[in-house]
Amino acid sequence: MNLGRIGCWQVQFVTEPAVSVRAAARELEELGYGTFWYPEPLIAKECFAAGAIVLAATESVAVATGIANLWARDAMTMATGERTLAEAFPGRFLLGLGVSHAEQVSEHGFDYSRPVSLMRDYLDRMDATPDIATPPEIPATRLLAALRPKMLELARDRTAGAHPYFVPVEHTRRAREILGEGKLLATEVTVVLEQDAEAARRIARSFTPFYLGKANYSKNLLWLGYSEDDVAGAGSDGLIDDLVGWGDVDAVAARVKEHLDAGADHVCVQVLSESAGFPMAELRALAPSLLAL
């Protein structure tokens, strides 16, 4: 599956009206972004339906869930949804799977105590799902949302690779070491196209408290060597600067290149903006320099 070196990761794919999603997807494909990524926050568009909207509106770009939430559907439904889009759009659908966050799923009465075992069992049940429909000519590529060693090892052993999110460059280095060569490492990198440090960090901190408040992300950052003070609240300036690439076009491209040099095969760039809707102005401005990488 050809993801290209650079993709875009935007929540707007599952929050904006379908007409806006189609228009943005067509323009982003023309700009040259290789893969479009979107999350499944459980309170937005359902991930397979959202993928179908984007796939049908475009010609050849790959579309990826980053991630499909396994708590949203049982393994059989996940497997048949994966096969449906893979058959309808050969070679263009990637299924990123994840276990979400304990803080979110516990609200719905789910047990998050053993996420790696849960994911292993879920993959077993997906693989065992029968299907009487026409099979896809090209099976969907499958990745796991993976941060720490055990989930990265499971991604290596059971899928095509890993899709880390909310990580500094050091994580990309460690993830590549664990995955080894030949496994896909598709890293999300958040960026802010703003040269003023105070303004850039303010925009970044509209985003960071949600993730720093989730134990899986904060524990991952502690594993990487950050302190409890770094991960408290909305994050220290140093942590913000490591997690979010900000500055002019060249500075943002340089941060993306750091992840590629550290071992990422593909970087999906998430642009943060104070404007509503798709950050098209920023994605247009960034496209030439990012795609030159």
C-alpha atoms as a PDB file:
ATOM      1  CA  MET A   1       0.000   0.000   0.000  1.00  0.00           C
ATOM      2  CA  ASN A   2       1.416   3.378  -0.983  1.00  0.00           C
ATOM      3  CA  LEU A   3       0.844   5.934   1.788  1.00  0.00           C
ATOM      4  CA  GLY A   4       3.363   8.420   0.470  1.00  0.00           C
ATOM      5  CA  ARG A   5       5.850   9.998   2.847  1.00  0.00           C
ATOM      6  CA  ILE A   6       3.479  12.743   3.997  1.00  0.00           C
ATOM      7  CA  GLY A   7      -0.197  12.596   4.898  1.00  0.00           C
ATOM      8  CA  CYS A   8      -2.592  14.840   6.766  1.00  0.00           C
ATOM      9  CA  TRP A   9      -4.375  13.923  10.011  1.00  0.00           C
ATOM     10  CA  GLN A  10      -7.430  16.063  10.754  1.00  0.00           C
ATOM     11  CA  VAL A  11     -10.358  15.611  13.094  1.00  0.00           C
ATOM     12  CA  GLN A  12     -12.423  17.693  10.659  1.00  0.00           C
ATOM     13  CA  PHE A  13     -12.848  14.612   8.465  1.00  0.00           C
ATOM     14  CA  VAL A  14     -15.281  13.313  11.114  1.00  0.00           C
ATOM     15  CA  THR A  15     -16.740  16.584  12.425  1.00  0.00           C
ATOM     16  CA  GLU A  16     -17.382  18.808   9.394  1.00  0.00           C
ATOM     17  CA  PRO A  17     -20.411  18.477   7.071  1.00  0.00           C
ATOM     18  CA  ALA A  18     -19.959  15.917   4.307  1.00  0.00           C
ATOM     19  CA  VAL A  19     -20.004  18.609   1.615  1.00  0.00           C
ATOM     20  CA  SER A  20     -17.040  20.345   3.283  1.00  0.00           C
ATOM     21  CA  VAL A  21     -15.210  17.047   3.755  1.00  0.00           C
ATOM     22  CA  ARG A  22     -15.578  16.188   0.067  1.00  0.00           C
ATOM     23  CA  ALA A  23     -14.308  19.587  -1.059  1.00  0.00           C
ATOM     24  CA  ALA A  24     -11.339  19.519   1.304  1.00  0.00           C
ATOM     25  CA  ALA A  25     -10.448  15.946   0.384  1.00  0.00           C
ATOM     26  CA  ARG A  26     -10.427  16.737  -3.333  1.00  0.00           C
ATOM     27  CA  GLU A  27      -8.180  19.760  -2.844  1.00  0.00           C
ATOM     28  CA  LEU A  28      -5.818  17.956  -0.479  1.00  0.00           C
ATOM     29  CA  GLU A  29      -5.472  15.154  -3.013  1.00  0.00           C
ATOM     30  CA  GLU A  30      -4.610  17.706  -5.683  1.00  0.00           C
ATOM     31  CA  LEU A  31      -2.023  19.252  -3.362  1.00  0.00           C
ATOM     32  CA  GLY A  32      -0.322  15.861  -3.148  1.00  0.00           C
ATOM     33  CA  TYR A  33      -0.867  14.648   0.403  1.00  0.00           C
ATOM     34  CA  GLY A  34      -0.566  10.863   0.219  1.00  0.00           C
ATOM     35  CA  THR A  35      -2.925   9.668   2.959  1.00  0.00           C
ATOM     36  CA  PHE A  36      -5.812  11.203   4.879  1.00  0.00           C
ATOM     37  CA  TRP A  37      -6.096  10.184   8.542  1.00  0.00           C
ATOM     38  CA  TYR A  38      -8.952  10.774  10.970  1.00  0.00           C
ATOM     39  CA  PRO A  39      -9.882   9.645  14.507  1.00  0.00           C
ATOM     40  CA  GLU A  40     -12.965   7.985  15.933  1.00  0.00           C
ATOM     41  CA  PRO A  41     -13.850   9.886  19.117  1.00  0.00           C
ATOM     42  CA  LEU A  42     -17.168   7.962  19.535  1.00  0.00           C
ATOM     43  CA  ILE A  43     -19.183  11.199  19.460  1.00  0.00           C
ATOM     44  CA  ALA A  44     -18.496  12.098  15.822  1.00  0.00           C
ATOM     45  CA  LYS A  45     -18.963  10.336  12.475  1.00  0.00           C
ATOM     46  CA  GLU A  46     -18.684   6.532  12.464  1.00  0.00           C
ATOM     47  CA  CYS A  47     -15.279   5.632  11.074  1.00  0.00           C
ATOM     48  CA  PHE A  48     -16.191   3.348   8.145  1.00  0.00           C
ATOM     49  CA  ALA A  49     -18.942   5.676   6.955  1.00  0.00           C
ATOM     50  CA  ALA A  50     -16.537   8.617   7.250  1.00  0.00           C
ATOM     51  CA  GLY A  51     -13.933   6.722   5.254  1.00  0.00           C
ATOM     52  CA  ALA A  52     -16.411   5.920   2.523  1.00  0.00           C
ATOM     53  CA  ILE A  53     -17.269   9.620   2.149  1.00  0.00           C
ATOM     54  CA  VAL A  54     -13.608  10.523   1.612  1.00  0.00           C
ATOM     55  CA  LEU A  55     -12.774   7.535  -0.578  1.00  0.00           C
ATOM     56  CA  ALA A  56     -15.739   8.166  -2.856  1.00  0.00           C
ATOM     57  CA  ALA A  57     -14.830  11.847  -3.224  1.00  0.00           C
ATOM     58  CA  THR A  58     -11.227  11.185  -4.283  1.00  0.00           C
ATOM     59  CA  GLU A  59      -9.411   9.231  -6.982  1.00  0.00           C
ATOM     60  CA  SER A  60      -6.312   7.563  -5.602  1.00  0.00           C
ATOM     61  CA  VAL A  61      -5.372   8.901  -2.169  1.00  0.00           C
ATOM     62  CA  ALA A  62      -5.162   6.427   0.718  1.00  0.00           C
ATOM     63  CA  VAL A  63      -7.567   6.845   3.629  1.00  0.00           C
ATOM     64  CA  ALA A  64      -6.718   5.693   7.149  1.00  0.00           C
ATOM     65  CA  THR A  65      -8.414   5.470  10.517  1.00  0.00           C
ATOM     66  CA  GLY A  66      -6.212   6.922  13.182  1.00  0.00           C
ATOM     67  CA  ILE A  67      -7.733   5.145  15.001  1.00  0.00           C
ATOM     68  CA  ALA A  68     -10.850   3.000  14.758  1.00  0.00           C
ATOM     69  CA  ASN A  69     -11.947   2.543  18.346  1.00  0.00           C
ATOM     70  CA  LEU A  70     -12.383  -1.128  19.208  1.00  0.00           C
ATOM     71  CA  TRP A  71     -14.925  -0.209  21.897  1.00  0.00           C
ATOM     72  CA  ALA A  72     -17.225   1.152  19.187  1.00  0.00           C
ATOM     73  CA  ARG A  73     -17.970  -2.246  17.632  1.00  0.00           C
ATOM     74  CA  ASP A  74     -17.310  -5.921  18.140  1.00  0.00           C
ATOM     75  CA  ALA A  75     -14.478  -7.664  16.304  1.00  0.00           C
ATOM     76  CA  MET A  76     -16.773  -9.225  13.705  1.00  0.00           C
ATOM     77  CA  THR A  77     -18.218  -5.868  12.694  1.00  0.00           C
ATOM     78  CA  MET A  78     -14.730  -4.343  12.587  1.00  0.00           C
ATOM     79  CA  ALA A  79     -13.494  -7.133  10.326  1.00  0.00           C
ATOM     80  CA  THR A  80     -16.407  -6.909   7.900  1.00  0.00           C
ATOM     81  CA  GLY A  81     -16.192  -3.105   7.793  1.00  0.00           C
ATOM     82  CA  GLU A  82     -12.488  -3.355   7.002  1.00  0.00           C
ATOM     83  CA  ARG A  83     -13.134  -5.845   4.199  1.00  0.00           C
ATOM     84  CA  THR A  84     -16.009  -3.798   2.761  1.00  0.00           C
ATOM     85  CA  LEU A  85     -13.910  -0.679   2.187  1.00  0.00           C
ATOM     86  CA  ALA A  86     -10.887  -2.693   1.061  1.00  0.00           C
ATOM     87  CA  GLU A  87     -12.996  -4.451  -1.588  1.00  0.00           C
ATOM     88  CA  ALA A  88     -14.729  -1.280  -2.764  1.00  0.00           C
ATOM     89  CA  PHE A  89     -11.534   0.805  -2.941  1.00  0.00           C
ATOM     90  CA  PRO A  90      -8.636  -1.571  -3.693  1.00  0.00           C
ATOM     91  CA  GLY A  91      -5.335  -0.623  -2.123  1.00  0.00           C
ATOM     92  CA  ARG A  92      -6.665   2.596  -0.620  1.00  0.00           C
ATOM     93  CA  PHE A  93      -7.938   1.764   2.870  1.00  0.00           C
ATOM     94  CA  LEU A  94      -5.814   1.403   5.992  1.00  0.00           C
ATOM     95  CA  LEU A  95      -7.368   0.304   9.276  1.00  0.00           C
ATOM     96  CA  GLY A  96      -5.633   1.757  12.298  1.00  0.00           C
ATOM     97  CA  LEU A  97      -6.934   0.123  15.466  1.00  0.00           C
ATOM     98  CA  GLY A  98      -6.688   1.372  19.019  1.00  0.00           C
ATOM     99  CA  VAL A  99      -7.888   0.731  22.552  1.00  0.00           C
ATOM    100  CA  SER A 100      -8.676   4.407  23.273  1.00  0.00           C
ATOM    101  CA  HIS A 101      -8.224   5.748  26.821  1.00  0.00           C
ATOM    102  CA  ALA A 102      -9.174   4.344  30.200  1.00  0.00           C
ATOM    103  CA  GLU A 103     -10.688   7.683  31.216  1.00  0.00           C
ATOM    104  CA  GLN A 104     -13.098   7.598  28.271  1.00  0.00           C
ATOM    105  CA  VAL A 105     -14.094   3.955  28.090  1.00  0.00           C
ATOM    106  CA  SER A 106     -14.675   3.615  31.837  1.00  0.00           C
ATOM    107  CA  GLU A 107     -17.507   6.119  31.472  1.00  0.00           C
ATOM    108  CA  HIS A 108     -19.276   3.521  29.336  1.00  0.00           C
ATOM    109  CA  GLY A 109     -18.684   0.670  31.766  1.00  0.00           C
ATOM    110  CA  PHE A 110     -15.802  -0.980  29.867  1.00  0.00           C
ATOM    111  CA  ASP A 111     -12.773  -2.608  31.516  1.00  0.00           C
ATOM    112  CA  TYR A 112      -9.475  -1.105  30.342  1.00  0.00           C
ATOM    113  CA  SER A 113      -7.246  -2.958  32.798  1.00  0.00           C
ATOM    114  CA  ARG A 114      -5.377  -5.138  30.253  1.00  0.00           C
ATOM    115  CA  PRO A 115      -5.217  -3.233  26.949  1.00  0.00           C
ATOM    116  CA  VAL A 116      -2.520  -5.363  25.288  1.00  0.00           C
ATOM    117  CA  SER A 117      -4.299  -8.630  26.055  1.00  0.00           C
ATOM    118  CA  LEU A 118      -7.566  -7.055  24.966  1.00  0.00           C
ATOM    119  CA  MET A 119      -6.085  -6.015  21.631  1.00  0.00           C
ATOM    120  CA  ARG A 120      -4.494  -9.436  21.067  1.00  0.00           C
ATOM    121  CA  ASP A 121      -7.818 -11.177  21.686  1.00  0.00           C
ATOM    122  CA  TYR A 122      -9.631  -8.668  19.481  1.00  0.00           C
ATOM    123  CA  LEU A 123      -7.228  -9.327  16.594  1.00  0.00           C
ATOM    124  CA  ASP A 124      -7.742 -13.082  17.047  1.00  0.00           C
ATOM    125  CA  ARG A 125     -11.490 -12.626  16.756  1.00  0.00           C
ATOM    126  CA  MET A 126     -11.169 -10.339  13.745  1.00  0.00           C
ATOM    127  CA  ASP A 127      -9.000 -12.871  11.953  1.00  0.00           C
ATOM    128  CA  ALA A 128     -11.462 -15.663  12.738  1.00  0.00           C
ATOM    129  CA  THR A 129     -14.466 -13.787  11.320  1.00  0.00           C
ATOM    130  CA  PRO A 130     -16.060 -15.583   8.336  1.00  0.00           C
ATOM    131  CA  ASP A 131     -17.395 -13.578   5.401  1.00  0.00           C
ATOM    132  CA  ILE A 132     -19.658 -14.633   2.529  1.00  0.00           C
ATOM    133  CA  ALA A 133     -19.132 -11.342   0.662  1.00  0.00           C
ATOM    134  CA  THR A 134     -16.715 -10.964  -2.243  1.00  0.00           C
ATOM    135  CA  PRO A 135     -13.249 -10.685  -0.682  1.00  0.00           C
ATOM    136  CA  PRO A 136     -11.037  -7.684  -1.459  1.00  0.00           C
ATOM    137  CA  GLU A 137      -8.409  -8.130  -4.143  1.00  0.00           C
ATOM    138  CA  ILE A 138      -5.997  -6.251  -1.891  1.00  0.00           C
ATOM    139  CA  PRO A 139      -6.589  -6.717   1.842  1.00  0.00           C
ATOM    140  CA  ALA A 140      -6.628  -3.561   3.932  1.00  0.00           C
ATOM    141  CA  THR A 141      -3.368  -2.632   5.607  1.00  0.00           C
ATOM    142  CA  ARG A 142      -3.764  -2.870   9.378  1.00  0.00           C
ATOM    143  CA  LEU A 143      -1.826  -0.915  12.031  1.00  0.00           C
ATOM    144  CA  LEU A 144      -2.098  -0.503  15.786  1.00  0.00           C
ATOM    145  CA  ALA A 145      -2.077   2.700  17.763  1.00  0.00           C
ATOM    146  CA  ALA A 146       1.004   1.924  19.850  1.00  0.00           C
ATOM    147  CA  LEU A 147       3.083   3.944  22.283  1.00  0.00           C
ATOM    148  CA  ARG A 148       4.962   1.745  24.739  1.00  0.00           C
ATOM    149  CA  PRO A 149       6.989  -1.442  24.163  1.00  0.00           C
ATOM    150  CA  LYS A 150       4.352  -4.143  24.679  1.00  0.00           C
ATOM    151  CA  MET A 151       1.839  -2.612  22.280  1.00  0.00           C
ATOM    152  CA  LEU A 152       4.607  -1.800  19.796  1.00  0.00           C
ATOM    153  CA  GLU A 153       5.713  -5.430  19.948  1.00  0.00           C
ATOM    154  CA  LEU A 154       2.151  -6.591  19.338  1.00  0.00           C
ATOM    155  CA  ALA A 155       1.912  -4.195  16.373  1.00  0.00           C
ATOM    156  CA  ARG A 156       5.145  -5.664  15.020  1.00  0.00           C
ATOM    157  CA  ASP A 157       4.071  -9.262  15.479  1.00  0.00           C
ATOM    158  CA  ARG A 158       0.439  -9.105  14.398  1.00  0.00           C
ATOM    159  CA  THR A 159       0.015  -6.185  11.987  1.00  0.00           C
ATOM    160  CA  ALA A 160       1.829  -4.175   9.335  1.00  0.00           C
ATOM    161  CA  GLY A 161       3.165  -1.763  11.955  1.00  0.00           C
ATOM    162  CA  ALA A 162       2.302   1.118  14.264  1.00  0.00           C
ATOM    163  CA  HIS A 163       0.618   4.520  14.276  1.00  0.00           C
ATOM    164  CA  PRO A 164       1.962   6.532  17.242  1.00  0.00           C
ATOM    165  CA  TYR A 165       0.197   9.763  18.172  1.00  0.00           C
ATOM    166  CA  PHE A 166       1.189  12.740  20.349  1.00  0.00           C
ATOM    167  CA  VAL A 167       4.866  11.829  20.448  1.00  0.00           C
ATOM    168  CA  PRO A 168       8.241  13.621  20.262  1.00  0.00           C
ATOM    169  CA  VAL A 169      11.073  12.592  17.954  1.00  0.00           C
ATOM    170  CA  GLU A 170      12.640  10.402  20.654  1.00  0.00           C
ATOM    171  CA  HIS A 171       9.585   8.156  20.563  1.00  0.00           C
ATOM    172  CA  THR A 172       9.977   7.672  16.819  1.00  0.00           C
ATOM    173  CA  ARG A 173      13.563   6.498  17.407  1.00  0.00           C
ATOM    174  CA  ARG A 174      12.493   4.030  20.095  1.00  0.00           C
ATOM    175  CA  ALA A 175       9.504   2.806  18.109  1.00  0.00           C
ATOM    176  CA  ARG A 176      11.708   2.058  15.107  1.00  0.00           C
ATOM    177  CA  GLU A 177      14.097   0.075  17.305  1.00  0.00           C
ATOM    178  CA  ILE A 178      11.233  -2.040  18.646  1.00  0.00           C
ATOM    179  CA  LEU A 179       9.450  -2.512  15.326  1.00  0.00           C
ATOM    180  CA  GLY A 180      12.646  -3.305  13.446  1.00  0.00           C
ATOM    181  CA  GLU A 181      13.089  -2.886   9.750  1.00  0.00           C
ATOM    182  CA  GLY A 182      10.322  -3.754   7.324  1.00  0.00           C
ATOM    183  CA  LYS A 183       7.458  -2.701   9.562  1.00  0.00           C
ATOM    184  CA  LEU A 184       5.482   0.444   8.824  1.00  0.00           C
ATOM    185  CA  LEU A 185       5.906   3.342  11.236  1.00  0.00           C
ATOM    186  CA  ALA A 186       3.294   6.014  10.487  1.00  0.00           C
ATOM    187  CA  THR A 187       3.754   8.785  13.043  1.00  0.00           C
ATOM    188  CA  GLU A 188       1.331  11.638  13.688  1.00  0.00           C
ATOM    189  CA  VAL A 189       3.048  15.018  14.097  1.00  0.00           C
ATOM    190  CA  THR A 190       1.106  18.037  15.317  1.00  0.00           C
ATOM    191  CA  VAL A 191       2.158  21.427  13.939  1.00  0.00           C
ATOM    192  CA  VAL A 192       1.260  25.099  14.288  1.00  0.00           C
ATOM    193  CA  LEU A 193       2.142  27.493  11.493  1.00  0.00           C
ATOM    194  CA  GLU A 194       2.966  30.427  13.760  1.00  0.00           C
ATOM    195  CA  GLN A 195       6.348  32.091  14.330  1.00  0.00           C
ATOM    196  CA  ASP A 196       5.580  33.850  17.600  1.00  0.00           C
ATOM    197  CA  ALA A 197       6.449  31.477  20.464  1.00  0.00           C
ATOM    198  CA  GLU A 198       3.766  32.722  22.849  1.00  0.00           C
ATOM    199  CA  ALA A 199       1.037  32.508  20.210  1.00  0.00           C
ATOM    200  CA  ALA A 200       2.210  29.113  18.968  1.00  0.00           C
ATOM    201  CA  ARG A 201       2.263  27.624  22.460  1.00  0.00           C
ATOM    202  CA  ARG A 202      -1.167  29.097  23.208  1.00  0.00           C
ATOM    203  CA  ILE A 203      -2.583  27.344  20.153  1.00  0.00           C
ATOM    204  CA  ALA A 204      -0.798  24.124  21.088  1.00  0.00           C
ATOM    205  CA  ARG A 205      -2.225  24.282  24.602  1.00  0.00           C
ATOM    206  CA  SER A 206      -5.745  24.304  23.206  1.00  0.00           C
ATOM    207  CA  PHE A 207      -4.953  20.681  22.337  1.00  0.00           C
ATOM    208  CA  THR A 208      -2.466  19.305  24.868  1.00  0.00           C
ATOM    209  CA  PRO A 209      -4.496  19.213  28.138  1.00  0.00           C
ATOM    210  CA  PHE A 210      -6.883  16.604  26.751  1.00  0.00           C
ATOM    211  CA  TYR A 211      -4.064  14.182  25.962  1.00  0.00           C
ATOM    212  CA  LEU A 212      -1.892  14.950  28.976  1.00  0.00           C
ATOM    213  CA  GLY A 213      -4.937  14.117  31.063  1.00  0.00           C
ATOM    214  CA  LYS A 214      -4.943  10.577  29.663  1.00  0.00           C
ATOM    215  CA  ALA A 215      -2.760   8.085  31.545  1.00  0.00           C
ATOM    216  CA  ASN A 216      -1.534   6.237  28.472  1.00  0.00           C
ATOM    217  CA  TYR A 217      -0.089   9.438  26.997  1.00  0.00           C
ATOM    218  CA  SER A 218       1.354  10.841  30.221  1.00  0.00           C
ATOM    219  CA  LYS A 219       2.958   7.481  31.113  1.00  0.00           C
ATOM    220  CA  ASN A 220       4.455   7.283  27.641  1.00  0.00           C
ATOM    221  CA  LEU A 221       6.044  10.712  28.086  1.00  0.00           C
ATOM    222  CA  LEU A 222       7.396   9.744  31.506  1.00  0.00           C
ATOM    223  CA  TRP A 223       8.881   6.607  29.890  1.00  0.00           C
ATOM    224  CA  LEU A 224      10.618   8.902  27.402  1.00  0.00           C
ATOM    225  CA  GLY A 225      12.256  10.850  30.235  1.00  0.00           C
ATOM    226  CA  TYR A 226       9.962  13.822  30.826  1.00  0.00           C
ATOM    227  CA  SER A 227       9.173  14.808  34.404  1.00  0.00           C
ATOM    228  CA  GLU A 228       5.889  14.893  36.283  1.00  0.00           C
ATOM    229  CA  ASP A 229       6.093  18.692  36.108  1.00  0.00           C
ATOM    230  CA  ASP A 230       6.497  18.545  32.321  1.00  0.00           C
ATOM    231  CA  VAL A 231       3.296  16.557  31.842  1.00  0.00           C
ATOM    232  CA  ALA A 232       1.195  18.419  34.420  1.00  0.00           C
ATOM    233  CA  GLY A 233      -1.680  20.599  33.257  1.00  0.00           C
ATOM    234  CA  ALA A 234      -1.182  21.838  29.698  1.00  0.00           C
ATOM    235  CA  GLY A 235       2.502  20.879  29.640  1.00  0.00           C
ATOM    236  CA  SER A 236       5.801  22.697  30.143  1.00  0.00           C
ATOM    237  CA  ASP A 237       7.177  24.910  27.407  1.00  0.00           C
ATOM    238  CA  GLY A 238       9.881  22.336  26.707  1.00  0.00           C
ATOM    239  CA  LEU A 239       7.371  19.541  26.331  1.00  0.00           C
ATOM    240  CA  ILE A 240       5.140  21.659  24.097  1.00  0.00           C
ATOM    241  CA  ASP A 241       8.086  22.486  21.870  1.00  0.00           C
ATOM    242  CA  ASP A 242       9.013  18.791  21.582  1.00  0.00           C
ATOM    243  CA  LEU A 243       5.468  17.601  20.874  1.00  0.00           C
ATOM    244  CA  VAL A 244       4.279  20.363  18.545  1.00  0.00           C
ATOM    245  CA  GLY A 245       6.322  21.601  15.611  1.00  0.00           C
ATOM    246  CA  TRP A 246       5.744  25.326  15.327  1.00  0.00           C
ATOM    247  CA  GLY A 247       7.217  28.211  13.367  1.00  0.00           C
ATOM    248  CA  ASP A 248       7.339  29.111   9.706  1.00  0.00           C
ATOM    249  CA  VAL A 249       7.025  26.620   6.854  1.00  0.00           C
ATOM    250  CA  ASP A 250      10.708  25.719   6.997  1.00  0.00           C
ATOM    251  CA  ALA A 251      10.623  25.109  10.754  1.00  0.00           C
ATOM    252  CA  VAL A 252       7.593  22.845  10.471  1.00  0.00           C
ATOM    253  CA  ALA A 253       9.163  20.927   7.588  1.00  0.00           C
ATOM    254  CA  ALA A 254      12.345  20.531   9.631  1.00  0.00           C
ATOM    255  CA  ARG A 255      10.396  18.964  12.510  1.00  0.00           C
ATOM    256  CA  VAL A 256       8.689  16.530  10.135  1.00  0.00           C
ATOM    257  CA  LYS A 257      12.089  15.652   8.659  1.00  0.00           C
ATOM    258  CA  GLU A 258      13.389  14.881  12.164  1.00  0.00           C
ATOM    259  CA  HIS A 259      10.741  12.180  12.514  1.00  0.00           C
ATOM    260  CA  LEU A 260      11.510  10.785   9.072  1.00  0.00           C
ATOM    261  CA  ASP A 261      15.223  10.742   9.877  1.00  0.00           C
ATOM    262  CA  ALA A 262      14.462   9.028  13.205  1.00  0.00           C
ATOM    263  CA  GLY A 263      12.787   6.128  11.423  1.00  0.00           C
ATOM    264  CA  ALA A 264       9.241   7.079  10.445  1.00  0.00           C
ATOM    265  CA  ASP A 265       8.205   5.748   7.037  1.00  0.00           C
ATOM    266  CA  HIS A 266       5.269   8.130   6.885  1.00  0.00           C
ATOM    267  CA  VAL A 267       4.373  11.275   8.821  1.00  0.00           C
ATOM    268  CA  CYS A 268       0.759  12.401   8.996  1.00  0.00           C
ATOM    269  CA  VAL A 269       0.720  16.094   9.836  1.00  0.00           C
ATOM    270  CA  GLN A 270      -2.038  17.484  12.015  1.00  0.00           C
ATOM    271  CA  VAL A 271      -2.368  21.250  11.677  1.00  0.00           C
ATOM    272  CA  LEU A 272      -3.764  23.147  14.656  1.00  0.00           C
ATOM    273  CA  SER A 273      -5.386  26.483  13.922  1.00  0.00           C
ATOM    274  CA  GLU A 274      -7.526  29.019  15.726  1.00  0.00           C
ATOM    275  CA  SER A 275      -9.823  29.153  12.693  1.00  0.00           C
ATOM    276  CA  ALA A 276     -12.870  26.916  12.412  1.00  0.00           C
ATOM    277  CA  GLY A 277     -13.091  24.114   9.862  1.00  0.00           C
ATOM    278  CA  PHE A 278     -10.307  22.542   7.848  1.00  0.00           C
ATOM    279  CA  PRO A 279      -7.024  24.508   8.125  1.00  0.00           C
ATOM    280  CA  MET A 280      -6.759  24.698   4.355  1.00  0.00           C
ATOM    281  CA  ALA A 281      -4.629  27.851   4.209  1.00  0.00           C
ATOM    282  CA  GLU A 282      -1.955  26.209   6.350  1.00  0.00           C
ATOM    283  CA  LEU A 283      -2.115  22.895   4.496  1.00  0.00           C
ATOM    284  CA  ARG A 284      -1.745  24.730   1.180  1.00  0.00           C
ATOM    285  CA  ALA A 285       1.234  26.711   2.464  1.00  0.00           C
ATOM    286  CA  LEU A 286       2.948  23.627   3.876  1.00  0.00           C
ATOM    287  CA  ALA A 287       2.372  21.275   0.939  1.00  0.00           C
ATOM    288  CA  PRO A 288       5.367  22.204  -1.296  1.00  0.00           C
ATOM    289  CA  SER A 289       7.965  21.966   1.474  1.00  0.00           C
ATOM    290  CA  LEU A 290       6.506  18.876   3.138  1.00  0.00           C
ATOM    291  CA  LEU A 291       6.041  16.956  -0.057  1.00  0.00           C
ATOM    292  CA  ALA A 292       9.603  17.808  -1.123  1.00  0.00           C
ATOM    293  CA  LEU A 293      10.724  15.636   1.787  1.00  0.00           C
END
